[in-house]
Amino acid sequence: MNYISYCVSYAELMQKWIEENHMSDYIVVIYDPLTHIKLLRDMKVEVDELNLFSSKVMIVFFINLEDSLKFFDQFEREKGPFIQAWALGYKVRENY
């Protein structure tokens, strides 16, 4: 049997997703949202219950960079999920 295999990281997947779908948006990417569902609900983040249980990433949209960074800053690094803030296709902040 002959084959070739390779791995793709979450970072590579998200970069491609952002390039394809969010080049003109301000977003916060929340990784593994199901693990942090209580925190997200406490923060009043709208959660799509139907898709949450099969999701590995949640995208939250904002009108401007300032609002996205205010939201980002609400997450405690030690207790919260891994998150990233993106603006116009560029990663501007992450919490790890």
C-alpha atoms as a PDB file:
ATOM      1  CA  MET A   1       0.000   0.000   0.000  1.00  0.00           C
ATOM      2  CA  ASN A   2       1.374   3.416  -1.006  1.00  0.00           C
ATOM      3  CA  TYR A   3       0.131   6.655   0.435  1.00  0.00           C
ATOM      4  CA  ILE A   4       1.142  10.084   1.672  1.00  0.00           C
ATOM      5  CA  SER A   5      -0.251  11.717   4.793  1.00  0.00           C
ATOM      6  CA  TYR A   6       0.091  15.131   6.404  1.00  0.00           C
ATOM      7  CA  CYS A   7      -1.381  17.092   9.284  1.00  0.00           C
ATOM      8  CA  VAL A   8      -3.208  20.398   9.193  1.00  0.00           C
ATOM      9  CA  SER A   9      -3.222  22.570  12.296  1.00  0.00           C
ATOM     10  CA  TYR A  10      -6.141  24.592  13.611  1.00  0.00           C
ATOM     11  CA  ALA A  11      -4.058  27.698  12.901  1.00  0.00           C
ATOM     12  CA  GLU A  12      -3.781  26.766   9.219  1.00  0.00           C
ATOM     13  CA  LEU A  13      -7.477  25.916   8.980  1.00  0.00           C
ATOM     14  CA  MET A  14      -8.548  29.186  10.603  1.00  0.00           C
ATOM     15  CA  GLN A  15      -6.198  31.259   8.452  1.00  0.00           C
ATOM     16  CA  LYS A  16      -7.714  29.727   5.313  1.00  0.00           C
ATOM     17  CA  TRP A  17     -11.282  30.116   6.653  1.00  0.00           C
ATOM     18  CA  ILE A  18     -10.668  33.793   7.447  1.00  0.00           C
ATOM     19  CA  GLU A  19      -9.135  34.404   4.016  1.00  0.00           C
ATOM     20  CA  GLU A  20     -12.125  32.782   2.312  1.00  0.00           C
ATOM     21  CA  ASN A  21     -14.967  34.175   4.427  1.00  0.00           C
ATOM     22  CA  HIS A  22     -14.017  37.122   6.657  1.00  0.00           C
ATOM     23  CA  MET A  23     -11.523  39.436   4.951  1.00  0.00           C
ATOM     24  CA  SER A  24     -13.706  42.480   5.615  1.00  0.00           C
ATOM     25  CA  ASP A  25     -14.920  41.530   9.104  1.00  0.00           C
ATOM     26  CA  TYR A  26     -13.992  42.037  12.735  1.00  0.00           C
ATOM     27  CA  ILE A  27     -14.379  38.723  14.525  1.00  0.00           C
ATOM     28  CA  VAL A  28     -13.421  36.815  17.623  1.00  0.00           C
ATOM     29  CA  VAL A  29     -12.773  33.109  17.170  1.00  0.00           C
ATOM     30  CA  ILE A  30     -13.613  30.943  20.183  1.00  0.00           C
ATOM     31  CA  TYR A  31     -12.107  27.455  20.090  1.00  0.00           C
ATOM     32  CA  ASP A  32     -13.909  24.441  21.561  1.00  0.00           C
ATOM     33  CA  PRO A  33     -17.005  26.405  22.635  1.00  0.00           C
ATOM     34  CA  LEU A  34     -18.857  23.381  23.996  1.00  0.00           C
ATOM     35  CA  THR A  35     -16.278  23.007  26.760  1.00  0.00           C
ATOM     36  CA  HIS A  36     -17.004  26.594  27.827  1.00  0.00           C
ATOM     37  CA  ILE A  37     -20.765  26.714  27.294  1.00  0.00           C
ATOM     38  CA  LYS A  38     -21.547  27.942  30.822  1.00  0.00           C
ATOM     39  CA  LEU A  39     -19.083  30.811  30.512  1.00  0.00           C
ATOM     40  CA  LEU A  40     -20.477  31.790  27.097  1.00  0.00           C
ATOM     41  CA  ARG A  41     -24.044  31.734  28.393  1.00  0.00           C
ATOM     42  CA  ASP A  42     -23.049  33.771  31.469  1.00  0.00           C
ATOM     43  CA  MET A  43     -21.490  36.315  29.096  1.00  0.00           C
ATOM     44  CA  LYS A  44     -24.762  36.408  27.112  1.00  0.00           C
ATOM     45  CA  VAL A  45     -23.097  35.130  23.937  1.00  0.00           C
ATOM     46  CA  GLU A  46     -25.740  33.903  21.514  1.00  0.00           C
ATOM     47  CA  VAL A  47     -25.231  30.173  21.109  1.00  0.00           C
ATOM     48  CA  ASP A  48     -26.576  28.119  18.196  1.00  0.00           C
ATOM     49  CA  GLU A  49     -27.728  25.079  20.164  1.00  0.00           C
ATOM     50  CA  LEU A  50     -28.316  22.939  17.064  1.00  0.00           C
ATOM     51  CA  ASN A  51     -24.759  23.245  15.788  1.00  0.00           C
ATOM     52  CA  LEU A  52     -22.873  23.701  19.042  1.00  0.00           C
ATOM     53  CA  PHE A  53     -22.453  20.035  19.838  1.00  0.00           C
ATOM     54  CA  SER A  54     -20.623  19.298  16.593  1.00  0.00           C
ATOM     55  CA  SER A  55     -18.645  22.559  16.507  1.00  0.00           C
ATOM     56  CA  LYS A  56     -14.987  23.052  17.285  1.00  0.00           C
ATOM     57  CA  VAL A  57     -14.972  26.795  16.623  1.00  0.00           C
ATOM     58  CA  MET A  58     -17.414  29.652  17.220  1.00  0.00           C
ATOM     59  CA  ILE A  59     -17.207  32.915  15.259  1.00  0.00           C
ATOM     60  CA  VAL A  60     -18.514  36.132  16.869  1.00  0.00           C
ATOM     61  CA  PHE A  61     -18.940  39.178  14.582  1.00  0.00           C
ATOM     62  CA  PHE A  62     -18.435  42.833  15.525  1.00  0.00           C
ATOM     63  CA  ILE A  63     -18.967  46.134  13.759  1.00  0.00           C
ATOM     64  CA  ASN A  64     -15.528  47.483  14.620  1.00  0.00           C
ATOM     65  CA  LEU A  65     -12.162  46.525  16.067  1.00  0.00           C
ATOM     66  CA  GLU A  66     -12.733  48.298  19.368  1.00  0.00           C
ATOM     67  CA  ASP A  67     -15.852  46.267  20.161  1.00  0.00           C
ATOM     68  CA  SER A  68     -14.144  43.011  19.247  1.00  0.00           C
ATOM     69  CA  LEU A  69     -11.206  43.788  21.545  1.00  0.00           C
ATOM     70  CA  LYS A  70     -13.523  44.767  24.417  1.00  0.00           C
ATOM     71  CA  PHE A  71     -15.235  41.398  24.043  1.00  0.00           C
ATOM     72  CA  PHE A  72     -11.871  39.642  23.801  1.00  0.00           C
ATOM     73  CA  ASP A  73     -10.665  41.287  27.017  1.00  0.00           C
ATOM     74  CA  GLN A  74     -13.625  39.865  28.979  1.00  0.00           C
ATOM     75  CA  PHE A  75     -12.132  36.367  28.811  1.00  0.00           C
ATOM     76  CA  GLU A  76      -9.771  35.338  31.579  1.00  0.00           C
ATOM     77  CA  ARG A  77      -6.752  33.604  30.126  1.00  0.00           C
ATOM     78  CA  GLU A  78      -6.546  31.015  32.901  1.00  0.00           C
ATOM     79  CA  LYS A  79     -10.256  30.077  32.927  1.00  0.00           C
ATOM     80  CA  GLY A  80     -11.548  30.690  29.460  1.00  0.00           C
ATOM     81  CA  PRO A  81     -11.215  29.121  26.043  1.00  0.00           C
ATOM     82  CA  PHE A  82      -8.460  29.772  23.547  1.00  0.00           C
ATOM     83  CA  ILE A  83      -9.605  32.803  21.550  1.00  0.00           C
ATOM     84  CA  GLN A  84      -8.303  35.012  18.768  1.00  0.00           C
ATOM     85  CA  ALA A  85      -9.318  38.456  17.548  1.00  0.00           C
ATOM     86  CA  TRP A  86      -9.135  39.046  13.786  1.00  0.00           C
ATOM     87  CA  ALA A  87      -9.526  42.309  11.892  1.00  0.00           C
ATOM     88  CA  LEU A  88      -9.843  42.537   8.134  1.00  0.00           C
ATOM     89  CA  GLY A  89      -8.131  39.192   7.618  1.00  0.00           C
ATOM     90  CA  TYR A  90      -5.305  39.711  10.116  1.00  0.00           C
ATOM     91  CA  LYS A  91      -4.931  38.097  13.520  1.00  0.00           C
ATOM     92  CA  VAL A  92      -4.492  40.966  15.982  1.00  0.00           C
ATOM     93  CA  ARG A  93      -4.591  39.164  19.323  1.00  0.00           C
ATOM     94  CA  GLU A  94      -4.793  35.745  20.941  1.00  0.00           C
ATOM     95  CA  ASN A  95      -4.876  34.731  24.558  1.00  0.00           C
ATOM     96  CA  TYR A  96      -2.210  31.999  24.559  1.00  0.00           C
END
